[in-house]
Amino acid sequence: MLRLLAAPAAALAFLAATFVPAHAFDTPEALIEAFYGPFLVDEVPDDELSFFSKDTRTAWELLMEQDDYGLGFDPVVDGQDFNIAGFAVSEPEPAGKGVEVTVEFENFGEPRVMIYTLIEEDEGWLVHDIEAVHGEGWRLRELLGE
């Protein structure tokens, strides 16, 4: 079952190596709602990387050290820019050591279907991986070289 939230924004903020999480989320739903919150009100989050697991942050920081352009797009909105509409989130489903949550929306009218793998670390629930299952698809961890 999908639950509708609100609407849009994009760009990554990269944090220093001495990262301290700004948030603690007790549930996967709270994490996803907070993660997409700025995008849904047409704002760019200033701390996007803080929503990711320690391993994913480390991989992302290594990529940024090697390439100033990083991924070249924001995987959260699957694009460089955004205009989010029709945002919906599925109930979490157990998967491995965490849960999977499907996020569906349109970005500039193009449908997007993303499967988030969330894990619980000391600071709460965090994004470990993102898989785009629309179009040609991609996995964030693969793009980060893992």
Protein backbone atom coordinates (compact mmCIF):
# COMPACT_ATOMS: atom_id res chain seq x y z
CA MET A 1 0.00 0.00 0.00
CA LEU A 2 1.36 3.44 -0.94
CA ARG A 3 0.98 6.49 1.24
CA LEU A 4 0.97 9.96 -0.33
CA LEU A 5 3.18 12.66 1.18
CA ALA A 6 3.76 16.13 -0.35
CA ALA A 7 6.03 17.46 -3.38
CA PRO A 8 10.06 18.66 -4.67
CA ALA A 9 14.24 19.88 -4.76
CA ALA A 10 17.92 18.56 -5.52
CA ALA A 11 21.66 18.84 -4.87
CA LEU A 12 24.03 17.12 -2.53
CA ALA A 13 25.73 18.68 0.44
CA PHE A 14 28.94 16.94 1.30
CA LEU A 15 30.02 16.80 4.90
CA ALA A 16 33.45 16.79 6.52
CA ALA A 17 35.16 13.52 7.37
CA THR A 18 34.26 14.05 11.03
CA PHE A 19 30.61 13.50 10.26
CA VAL A 20 28.07 13.60 13.07
CA PRO A 21 24.50 12.69 12.07
CA ALA A 22 22.05 15.56 12.34
CA HIS A 23 19.04 13.27 12.68
CA ALA A 24 17.92 10.14 14.45
CA PHE A 25 14.98 8.26 12.97
CA ASP A 26 13.17 5.61 14.98
CA THR A 27 11.22 4.24 12.01
CA PRO A 28 11.90 3.75 8.29
CA GLU A 29 8.84 5.87 7.49
CA ALA A 30 10.18 8.79 9.55
CA LEU A 31 13.48 8.59 7.69
CA ILE A 32 11.91 8.63 4.20
CA GLU A 33 9.48 11.43 5.09
CA ALA A 34 12.30 13.60 6.47
CA PHE A 35 14.64 12.67 3.61
CA TYR A 36 12.20 13.79 0.91
CA GLY A 37 10.66 16.62 2.95
CA PRO A 38 12.73 19.47 1.46
CA PHE A 39 12.24 18.16 -2.10
CA LEU A 40 8.50 18.07 -1.57
CA VAL A 41 8.38 21.79 -0.76
CA ASP A 42 10.70 22.76 -3.62
CA GLU A 43 13.81 23.18 -1.46
CA VAL A 44 17.29 21.72 -1.62
CA PRO A 45 18.36 19.87 1.54
CA ASP A 46 21.56 21.15 3.09
CA ASP A 47 22.48 17.84 4.71
CA GLU A 48 21.41 15.10 2.29
CA LEU A 49 24.43 12.91 3.00
CA SER A 50 23.49 12.72 6.68
CA PHE A 51 20.62 10.39 5.78
CA PHE A 52 22.99 7.69 4.51
CA SER A 53 24.59 4.78 6.36
CA LYS A 54 28.20 5.04 7.46
CA ASP A 55 29.40 2.69 4.67
CA THR A 56 27.51 4.56 1.97
CA ARG A 57 28.76 7.97 3.22
CA THR A 58 32.34 6.68 3.19
CA ALA A 59 31.99 5.35 -0.38
CA TRP A 60 30.45 8.66 -1.48
CA GLU A 61 33.23 10.70 0.13
CA LEU A 62 35.85 8.53 -1.61
CA LEU A 63 34.16 9.11 -4.96
CA MET A 64 34.13 12.86 -4.35
CA GLU A 65 37.87 12.81 -3.54
CA GLN A 66 38.51 11.13 -6.90
CA ASP A 67 36.03 13.07 -9.03
CA ASP A 68 34.74 16.60 -8.32
CA TYR A 69 31.56 15.81 -10.27
CA GLY A 70 30.72 12.76 -8.18
CA LEU A 71 27.78 10.95 -9.68
CA GLY A 72 26.76 13.84 -11.92
CA PHE A 73 23.17 13.66 -10.68
CA ASP A 74 21.24 13.45 -7.43
CA PRO A 75 20.07 9.85 -6.96
CA VAL A 76 17.30 10.93 -4.58
CA VAL A 77 15.42 12.62 -7.44
CA ASP A 78 17.17 10.67 -10.22
CA GLY A 79 18.26 13.86 -11.96
CA GLN A 80 20.17 17.10 -11.68
CA ASP A 81 17.02 19.16 -11.24
CA PHE A 82 13.63 18.32 -9.87
CA ASN A 83 9.96 19.05 -9.92
CA ILE A 84 8.40 16.29 -7.82
CA ALA A 85 4.72 15.34 -8.04
CA GLY A 86 2.63 12.33 -7.06
CA PHE A 87 4.95 11.24 -4.24
CA ALA A 88 4.06 7.91 -2.58
CA VAL A 89 5.87 5.55 -0.21
CA SER A 90 5.21 1.85 0.43
CA GLU A 91 5.14 0.15 3.80
CA PRO A 92 8.59 -1.20 4.80
CA GLU A 93 9.23 -4.85 3.91
CA PRO A 94 11.91 -6.92 5.68
CA ALA A 95 15.01 -7.42 3.50
CA GLY A 96 18.29 -8.87 4.70
CA LYS A 97 19.52 -6.92 7.73
CA GLY A 98 17.11 -4.06 7.13
CA VAL A 99 13.99 -3.15 5.20
CA GLU A 100 13.07 -2.07 1.70
CA VAL A 101 10.77 0.83 0.96
CA THR A 102 9.48 1.67 -2.52
CA VAL A 103 9.23 5.35 -3.36
CA GLU A 104 7.27 6.46 -6.43
CA PHE A 105 6.99 9.96 -7.88
CA GLU A 106 7.19 11.95 -11.09
CA ASN A 107 10.13 14.23 -11.78
CA PHE A 108 9.21 16.77 -14.45
CA GLY A 109 6.36 14.43 -15.42
CA GLU A 110 8.61 11.37 -15.84
CA PRO A 111 7.73 8.42 -13.59
CA ARG A 112 10.35 7.29 -11.08
CA VAL A 113 10.32 4.10 -9.00
CA MET A 114 13.05 3.79 -6.39
CA ILE A 115 13.63 0.97 -3.94
CA TYR A 116 15.41 2.11 -0.80
CA THR A 117 17.34 -0.34 1.35
CA LEU A 118 17.34 1.02 4.89
CA ILE A 119 19.40 -0.27 7.79
CA GLU A 120 19.36 0.55 11.46
CA GLU A 121 22.65 1.85 12.86
CA ASP A 122 23.47 3.33 16.26
CA GLU A 123 21.96 6.67 15.26
CA GLY A 124 18.73 5.15 13.89
CA TRP A 125 17.44 4.21 10.45
CA LEU A 126 19.60 5.28 7.49
CA VAL A 127 19.67 4.80 3.71
CA HIS A 128 22.12 2.06 2.73
CA ASP A 129 21.28 1.77 -0.97
CA ILE A 130 18.93 3.11 -3.61
CA GLU A 131 17.85 1.18 -6.69
CA ALA A 132 16.12 2.88 -9.61
CA VAL A 133 13.87 0.27 -11.20
CA HIS A 134 12.46 2.45 -13.98
CA GLY A 135 14.13 2.94 -17.35
CA GLU A 136 17.58 1.34 -17.56
CA GLY A 137 17.85 1.31 -13.77
CA TRP A 138 20.87 1.66 -11.50
CA ARG A 139 22.00 0.90 -7.93
CA LEU A 140 23.67 3.61 -5.86
CA ARG A 141 26.21 1.24 -4.26
CA GLU A 142 27.30 0.08 -7.73
CA LEU A 143 27.64 3.67 -8.93
CA LEU A 144 29.80 4.38 -5.89
CA GLY A 145 32.12 1.57 -6.95
CA GLU A 146 31.00 -1.19 -4.61
